[in-house]
Amino acid sequence: MCVHRSSYPAAGSPAVGSSAPRDVAAHVVAAHPEQGWNLLCDGTIVFDDTGELRPDGGVVAPHRVPAGGLAMAA
């Protein structure tokens, strides 16, 4: 695992993928798009539905959009 800070910032810090410096954000070391997940260098598993499993056993629930907010084709 990498020695840089974790991919999940502390409260009040910029989120990964936003304006966080590149040396702070973890990068993908194993990609499995056919299965819907990626392993980051800090040990976090990130799923395509935006959920995460963290190395400390923590879980981040997926951030889903309510169905009413989705546009439908006519």
PDB file of N, CA and C in Angstrom:
ATOM      1  N   MET A   1       0.834  -1.183   0.000  1.00  0.00           N
ATOM      2  CA  MET A   1       0.000   0.000   0.000  1.00  0.00           C
ATOM      3  C   MET A   1       0.878   1.245   0.000  1.00  0.00           C
ATOM      4  N   CYS A   2       0.312   2.313  -0.507  1.00  0.00           N
ATOM      5  CA  CYS A   2       1.039   3.586  -0.561  1.00  0.00           C
ATOM      6  C   CYS A   2       1.142   4.213   0.820  1.00  0.00           C
ATOM      7  N   VAL A   3       2.109   5.071   0.958  1.00  0.00           N
ATOM      8  CA  VAL A   3       2.320   5.746   2.234  1.00  0.00           C
ATOM      9  C   VAL A   3       1.670   7.116   2.292  1.00  0.00           C
ATOM     10  N   HIS A   4       1.065   7.568   1.179  1.00  0.00           N
ATOM     11  CA  HIS A   4       0.400   8.872   1.217  1.00  0.00           C
ATOM     12  C   HIS A   4      -0.908   8.768   1.981  1.00  0.00           C
ATOM     13  N   ARG A   5      -1.522   9.931   2.203  1.00  0.00           N
ATOM     14  CA  ARG A   5      -2.778   9.951   2.940  1.00  0.00           C
ATOM     15  C   ARG A   5      -3.847   9.162   2.212  1.00  0.00           C
ATOM     16  N   SER A   6      -4.807   8.732   2.969  1.00  0.00           N
ATOM     17  CA  SER A   6      -5.904   7.920   2.476  1.00  0.00           C
ATOM     18  C   SER A   6      -6.696   8.624   1.384  1.00  0.00           C
ATOM     19  N   SER A   7      -7.467   7.843   0.602  1.00  0.00           N
ATOM     20  CA  SER A   7      -8.284   8.408  -0.467  1.00  0.00           C
ATOM     21  C   SER A   7      -9.502   9.111   0.077  1.00  0.00           C
ATOM     22  N   TYR A   8      -9.854   8.871   1.333  1.00  0.00           N
ATOM     23  CA  TYR A   8     -11.015   9.543   1.904  1.00  0.00           C
ATOM     24  C   TYR A   8     -10.534  10.613   2.867  1.00  0.00           C
ATOM     25  N   PRO A   9     -10.782  11.885   2.509  1.00  0.00           N
ATOM     26  CA  PRO A   9     -10.263  12.990   3.317  1.00  0.00           C
ATOM     27  C   PRO A   9     -11.024  13.163   4.611  1.00  0.00           C
ATOM     28  N   ALA A  10     -10.414  13.871   5.540  1.00  0.00           N
ATOM     29  CA  ALA A  10     -11.084  14.196   6.795  1.00  0.00           C
ATOM     30  C   ALA A  10     -12.196  15.190   6.519  1.00  0.00           C
ATOM     31  N   ALA A  11     -13.126  15.297   7.446  1.00  0.00           N
ATOM     32  CA  ALA A  11     -14.231  16.233   7.287  1.00  0.00           C
ATOM     33  C   ALA A  11     -13.692  17.630   7.057  1.00  0.00           C
ATOM     34  N   GLY A  12     -14.253  18.308   6.081  1.00  0.00           N
ATOM     35  CA  GLY A  12     -13.820  19.658   5.769  1.00  0.00           C
ATOM     36  C   GLY A  12     -12.701  19.730   4.748  1.00  0.00           C
ATOM     37  N   SER A  13     -12.104  18.603   4.400  1.00  0.00           N
ATOM     38  CA  SER A  13     -11.049  18.589   3.393  1.00  0.00           C
ATOM     39  C   SER A  13     -11.669  18.413   2.013  1.00  0.00           C
ATOM     40  N   PRO A  14     -10.947  18.812   0.966  1.00  0.00           N
ATOM     41  CA  PRO A  14     -11.497  18.611  -0.376  1.00  0.00           C
ATOM     42  C   PRO A  14     -11.610  17.128  -0.694  1.00  0.00           C
ATOM     43  N   ALA A  15     -12.655  16.769  -1.386  1.00  0.00           N
ATOM     44  CA  ALA A  15     -12.886  15.367  -1.750  1.00  0.00           C
ATOM     45  C   ALA A  15     -11.963  14.953  -2.878  1.00  0.00           C
ATOM     46  N   VAL A  16     -11.712  13.652  -2.982  1.00  0.00           N
ATOM     47  CA  VAL A  16     -10.907  13.112  -4.065  1.00  0.00           C
ATOM     48  C   VAL A  16     -11.636  13.393  -5.371  1.00  0.00           C
ATOM     49  N   GLY A  17     -10.899  13.789  -6.390  1.00  0.00           N
ATOM     50  CA  GLY A  17     -11.501  14.087  -7.665  1.00  0.00           C
ATOM     51  C   GLY A  17     -11.907  15.541  -7.792  1.00  0.00           C
ATOM     52  N   SER A  18     -11.864  16.277  -6.687  1.00  0.00           N
ATOM     53  CA  SER A  18     -12.203  17.690  -6.766  1.00  0.00           C
ATOM     54  C   SER A  18     -10.928  18.474  -7.005  1.00  0.00           C
ATOM     55  N   SER A  19     -10.633  19.421  -6.138  1.00  0.00           N
ATOM     56  CA  SER A  19      -9.426  20.221  -6.312  1.00  0.00           C
ATOM     57  C   SER A  19      -8.294  19.729  -5.416  1.00  0.00           C
ATOM     58  N   ALA A  20      -8.376  18.490  -4.939  1.00  0.00           N
ATOM     59  CA  ALA A  20      -7.326  17.942  -4.079  1.00  0.00           C
ATOM     60  C   ALA A  20      -6.034  17.781  -4.876  1.00  0.00           C
ATOM     61  N   PRO A  21      -4.892  18.074  -4.251  1.00  0.00           N
ATOM     62  CA  PRO A  21      -3.621  17.891  -4.955  1.00  0.00           C
ATOM     63  C   PRO A  21      -3.431  16.433  -5.370  1.00  0.00           C
ATOM     64  N   ARG A  22      -2.769  16.207  -6.496  1.00  0.00           N
ATOM     65  CA  ARG A  22      -2.591  14.849  -7.013  1.00  0.00           C
ATOM     66  C   ARG A  22      -1.839  13.940  -6.040  1.00  0.00           C
ATOM     67  N   ASP A  23      -0.920  14.486  -5.243  1.00  0.00           N
ATOM     68  CA  ASP A  23      -0.149  13.634  -4.342  1.00  0.00           C
ATOM     69  C   ASP A  23      -0.965  13.194  -3.127  1.00  0.00           C
ATOM     70  N   VAL A  24      -2.177  13.725  -2.964  1.00  0.00           N
ATOM     71  CA  VAL A  24      -3.037  13.338  -1.853  1.00  0.00           C
ATOM     72  C   VAL A  24      -3.967  12.209  -2.276  1.00  0.00           C
ATOM     73  N   ALA A  25      -4.433  12.230  -3.515  1.00  0.00           N
ATOM     74  CA  ALA A  25      -5.429  11.278  -3.993  1.00  0.00           C
ATOM     75  C   ALA A  25      -4.790   9.917  -4.286  1.00  0.00           C
ATOM     76  N   ALA A  26      -5.486   8.867  -3.866  1.00  0.00           N
ATOM     77  CA  ALA A  26      -5.033   7.515  -4.175  1.00  0.00           C
ATOM     78  C   ALA A  26      -5.323   7.213  -5.644  1.00  0.00           C
ATOM     79  N   HIS A  27      -4.561   6.311  -6.230  1.00  0.00           N
ATOM     80  CA  HIS A  27      -4.767   5.952  -7.631  1.00  0.00           C
ATOM     81  C   HIS A  27      -5.126   4.472  -7.747  1.00  0.00           C
ATOM     82  N   VAL A  28      -5.695   4.113  -8.881  1.00  0.00           N
ATOM     83  CA  VAL A  28      -6.134   2.738  -9.140  1.00  0.00           C
ATOM     84  C   VAL A  28      -4.914   1.858  -9.389  1.00  0.00           C
ATOM     85  N   VAL A  29      -4.843   0.723  -8.664  1.00  0.00           N
ATOM     86  CA  VAL A  29      -3.759  -0.234  -8.895  1.00  0.00           C
ATOM     87  C   VAL A  29      -4.280  -1.518  -9.526  1.00  0.00           C
ATOM     88  N   ALA A  30      -5.574  -1.776  -9.423  1.00  0.00           N
ATOM     89  CA  ALA A  30      -6.188  -2.936 -10.068  1.00  0.00           C
ATOM     90  C   ALA A  30      -7.597  -2.548 -10.493  1.00  0.00           C
ATOM     91  N   ALA A  31      -7.835  -2.554 -11.802  1.00  0.00           N
ATOM     92  CA  ALA A  31      -9.145  -2.185 -12.337  1.00  0.00           C
ATOM     93  C   ALA A  31      -9.885  -3.435 -12.800  1.00  0.00           C
ATOM     94  N   HIS A  32     -11.137  -3.550 -12.411  1.00  0.00           N
ATOM     95  CA  HIS A  32     -11.983  -4.667 -12.818  1.00  0.00           C
ATOM     96  C   HIS A  32     -13.341  -4.131 -13.272  1.00  0.00           C
ATOM     97  N   PRO A  33     -13.368  -3.390 -14.397  1.00  0.00           N
ATOM     98  CA  PRO A  33     -14.617  -2.789 -14.859  1.00  0.00           C
ATOM     99  C   PRO A  33     -15.690  -3.827 -15.191  1.00  0.00           C
ATOM    100  N   GLU A  34     -15.278  -5.015 -15.602  1.00  0.00           N
ATOM    101  CA  GLU A  34     -16.255  -6.064 -15.908  1.00  0.00           C
ATOM    102  C   GLU A  34     -16.986  -6.541 -14.658  1.00  0.00           C
ATOM    103  N   GLN A  35     -16.385  -6.329 -13.491  1.00  0.00           N
ATOM    104  CA  GLN A  35     -17.007  -6.697 -12.220  1.00  0.00           C
ATOM    105  C   GLN A  35     -17.522  -5.483 -11.462  1.00  0.00           C
ATOM    106  N   GLY A  36     -17.189  -4.283 -11.933  1.00  0.00           N
ATOM    107  CA  GLY A  36     -17.720  -3.068 -11.342  1.00  0.00           C
ATOM    108  C   GLY A  36     -16.968  -2.522 -10.140  1.00  0.00           C
ATOM    109  N   TRP A  37     -15.655  -2.794 -10.036  1.00  0.00           N
ATOM    110  CA  TRP A  37     -14.892  -2.266  -8.904  1.00  0.00           C
ATOM    111  C   TRP A  37     -13.440  -2.014  -9.275  1.00  0.00           C
ATOM    112  N   ASN A  38     -12.800  -1.165  -8.469  1.00  0.00           N
ATOM    113  CA  ASN A  38     -11.378  -0.842  -8.612  1.00  0.00           C
ATOM    114  C   ASN A  38     -10.726  -0.859  -7.238  1.00  0.00           C
ATOM    115  N   LEU A  39      -9.482  -1.317  -7.192  1.00  0.00           N
ATOM    116  CA  LEU A  39      -8.694  -1.297  -5.965  1.00  0.00           C
ATOM    117  C   LEU A  39      -7.753  -0.115  -6.030  1.00  0.00           C
ATOM    118  N   LEU A  40      -7.799   0.742  -5.003  1.00  0.00           N
ATOM    119  CA  LEU A  40      -6.911   1.898  -4.940  1.00  0.00           C
ATOM    120  C   LEU A  40      -5.638   1.527  -4.182  1.00  0.00           C
ATOM    121  N   CYS A  41      -4.589   2.315  -4.377  1.00  0.00           N
ATOM    122  CA  CYS A  41      -3.290   2.011  -3.782  1.00  0.00           C
ATOM    123  C   CYS A  41      -3.301   2.068  -2.261  1.00  0.00           C
ATOM    124  N   ASP A  42      -4.309   2.717  -1.665  1.00  0.00           N
ATOM    125  CA  ASP A  42      -4.376   2.769  -0.204  1.00  0.00           C
ATOM    126  C   ASP A  42      -5.211   1.636   0.382  1.00  0.00           C
ATOM    127  N   GLY A  43      -5.645   0.708  -0.475  1.00  0.00           N
ATOM    128  CA  GLY A  43      -6.403  -0.449  -0.010  1.00  0.00           C
ATOM    129  C   GLY A  43      -7.914  -0.290  -0.077  1.00  0.00           C
ATOM    130  N   THR A  44      -8.398   0.866  -0.503  1.00  0.00           N
ATOM    131  CA  THR A  44      -9.834   1.102  -0.632  1.00  0.00           C
ATOM    132  C   THR A  44     -10.347   0.430  -1.901  1.00  0.00           C
ATOM    133  N   ILE A  45     -11.515  -0.204  -1.812  1.00  0.00           N
ATOM    134  CA  ILE A  45     -12.181  -0.768  -2.986  1.00  0.00           C
ATOM    135  C   ILE A  45     -13.332   0.171  -3.319  1.00  0.00           C
ATOM    136  N   VAL A  46     -13.336   0.694  -4.551  1.00  0.00           N
ATOM    137  CA  VAL A  46     -14.349   1.628  -5.000  1.00  0.00           C
ATOM    138  C   VAL A  46     -15.220   0.921  -6.030  1.00  0.00           C
ATOM    139  N   PHE A  47     -16.538   0.983  -5.833  1.00  0.00           N
ATOM    140  CA  PHE A  47     -17.487   0.328  -6.729  1.00  0.00           C
ATOM    141  C   PHE A  47     -18.075   1.323  -7.715  1.00  0.00           C
ATOM    142  N   ASP A  48     -18.520   0.832  -8.876  1.00  0.00           N
ATOM    143  CA  ASP A  48     -19.099   1.683  -9.910  1.00  0.00           C
ATOM    144  C   ASP A  48     -20.335   2.430  -9.441  1.00  0.00           C
ATOM    145  N   ASP A  49     -21.042   1.908  -8.442  1.00  0.00           N
ATOM    146  CA  ASP A  49     -22.247   2.592  -7.940  1.00  0.00           C
ATOM    147  C   ASP A  49     -21.886   3.648  -6.909  1.00  0.00           C
ATOM    148  N   THR A  50     -20.618   3.987  -6.768  1.00  0.00           N
ATOM    149  CA  THR A  50     -20.035   4.990  -5.878  1.00  0.00           C
ATOM    150  C   THR A  50     -19.893   4.527  -4.434  1.00  0.00           C
ATOM    151  N   GLY A  51     -20.192   3.295  -4.127  1.00  0.00           N
ATOM    152  CA  GLY A  51     -19.951   2.767  -2.791  1.00  0.00           C
ATOM    153  C   GLY A  51     -18.477   2.445  -2.617  1.00  0.00           C
ATOM    154  N   GLU A  52     -18.045   2.337  -1.352  1.00  0.00           N
ATOM    155  CA  GLU A  52     -16.637   2.023  -1.057  1.00  0.00           C
ATOM    156  C   GLU A  52     -16.522   1.082   0.127  1.00  0.00           C
ATOM    157  N   LEU A  53     -15.480   0.259   0.101  1.00  0.00           N
ATOM    158  CA  LEU A  53     -15.042  -0.512   1.264  1.00  0.00           C
ATOM    159  C   LEU A  53     -13.657   0.022   1.601  1.00  0.00           C
ATOM    160  N   ARG A  54     -13.488   0.484   2.824  1.00  0.00           N
ATOM    161  CA  ARG A  54     -12.215   1.070   3.247  1.00  0.00           C
ATOM    162  C   ARG A  54     -11.348   0.040   3.954  1.00  0.00           C
ATOM    163  N   PRO A  55     -10.040   0.244   3.964  1.00  0.00           N
ATOM    164  CA  PRO A  55      -9.122  -0.715   4.565  1.00  0.00           C
ATOM    165  C   PRO A  55      -9.370  -0.950   6.056  1.00  0.00           C
ATOM    166  N   ASP A  56      -9.950   0.035   6.740  1.00  0.00           N
ATOM    167  CA  ASP A  56     -10.226  -0.123   8.166  1.00  0.00           C
ATOM    168  C   ASP A  56     -11.543  -0.850   8.424  1.00  0.00           C
ATOM    169  N   GLY A  57     -12.201  -1.322   7.358  1.00  0.00           N
ATOM    170  CA  GLY A  57     -13.469  -2.037   7.483  1.00  0.00           C
ATOM    171  C   GLY A  57     -14.683  -1.139   7.353  1.00  0.00           C
ATOM    172  N   GLY A  58     -14.457   0.158   7.208  1.00  0.00           N
ATOM    173  CA  GLY A  58     -15.571   1.094   7.047  1.00  0.00           C
ATOM    174  C   GLY A  58     -16.247   0.928   5.696  1.00  0.00           C
ATOM    175  N   VAL A  59     -17.492   1.323   5.645  1.00  0.00           N
ATOM    176  CA  VAL A  59     -18.286   1.222   4.424  1.00  0.00           C
ATOM    177  C   VAL A  59     -18.844   2.597   4.094  1.00  0.00           C
ATOM    178  N   VAL A  60     -18.792   2.966   2.820  1.00  0.00           N
ATOM    179  CA  VAL A  60     -19.425   4.179   2.335  1.00  0.00           C
ATOM    180  C   VAL A  60     -20.560   3.734   1.428  1.00  0.00           C
ATOM    181  N   ALA A  61     -21.786   4.108   1.786  1.00  0.00           N
ATOM    182  CA  ALA A  61     -22.951   3.719   1.001  1.00  0.00           C
ATOM    183  C   ALA A  61     -22.938   4.426  -0.354  1.00  0.00           C
ATOM    184  N   PRO A  62     -23.515   3.793  -1.377  1.00  0.00           N
ATOM    185  CA  PRO A  62     -23.595   4.434  -2.696  1.00  0.00           C
ATOM    186  C   PRO A  62     -24.395   5.730  -2.631  1.00  0.00           C
ATOM    187  N   HIS A  63     -24.028   6.673  -3.474  1.00  0.00           N
ATOM    188  CA  HIS A  63     -24.730   7.959  -3.565  1.00  0.00           C
ATOM    189  C   HIS A  63     -25.651   7.882  -4.768  1.00  0.00           C
ATOM    190  N   ARG A  64     -26.860   7.451  -4.561  1.00  0.00           N
ATOM    191  CA  ARG A  64     -27.795   7.241  -5.661  1.00  0.00           C
ATOM    192  C   ARG A  64     -28.734   8.428  -5.825  1.00  0.00           C
ATOM    193  N   VAL A  65     -29.097   8.688  -7.074  1.00  0.00           N
ATOM    194  CA  VAL A  65     -30.040   9.743  -7.402  1.00  0.00           C
ATOM    195  C   VAL A  65     -31.450   9.169  -7.280  1.00  0.00           C
ATOM    196  N   PRO A  66     -32.375   9.876  -6.597  1.00  0.00           N
ATOM    197  CA  PRO A  66     -33.758   9.385  -6.537  1.00  0.00           C
ATOM    198  C   PRO A  66     -34.339   9.219  -7.944  1.00  0.00           C
ATOM    199  N   ALA A  67     -35.119   8.184  -8.162  1.00  0.00           N
ATOM    200  CA  ALA A  67     -35.673   7.884  -9.468  1.00  0.00           C
ATOM    201  C   ALA A  67     -36.496   9.030 -10.022  1.00  0.00           C
ATOM    202  N   GLY A  68     -37.155   9.815  -9.172  1.00  0.00           N
ATOM    203  CA  GLY A  68     -37.960  10.935  -9.622  1.00  0.00           C
ATOM    204  C   GLY A  68     -37.125  12.024 -10.261  1.00  0.00           C
ATOM    205  N   GLY A  69     -35.827  12.087  -9.939  1.00  0.00           N
ATOM    206  CA  GLY A  69     -34.951  13.118 -10.474  1.00  0.00           C
ATOM    207  C   GLY A  69     -34.309  12.753 -11.788  1.00  0.00           C
ATOM    208  N   LEU A  70     -34.560  11.560 -12.297  1.00  0.00           N
ATOM    209  CA  LEU A  70     -33.966  11.122 -13.548  1.00  0.00           C
ATOM    210  C   LEU A  70     -34.830  11.539 -14.734  1.00  0.00           C
ATOM    211  N   ALA A  71     -34.205  11.939 -15.815  1.00  0.00           N
ATOM    212  CA  ALA A  71     -34.931  12.308 -17.028  1.00  0.00           C
ATOM    213  C   ALA A  71     -35.298  11.038 -17.796  1.00  0.00           C
ATOM    214  N   MET A  72     -36.474  11.073 -18.398  1.00  0.00           N
ATOM    215  CA  MET A  72     -36.927   9.931 -19.190  1.00  0.00           C
ATOM    216  C   MET A  72     -37.076  10.363 -20.639  1.00  0.00           C
ATOM    217  N   ALA A  73     -36.688   9.480 -21.560  1.00  0.00           N
ATOM    218  CA  ALA A  73     -36.833   9.761 -22.982  1.00  0.00           C
ATOM    219  C   ALA A  73     -38.300   9.629 -23.376  1.00  0.00           C
ATOM    220  N   ALA A  74     -38.741  10.484 -24.267  1.00  0.00           N
ATOM    221  CA  ALA A  74     -40.149  10.441 -24.695  1.00  0.00           C
ATOM    222  C   ALA A  74     -40.326   9.502 -25.849  1.00  0.00           C
TER     223      ALA A  74
END
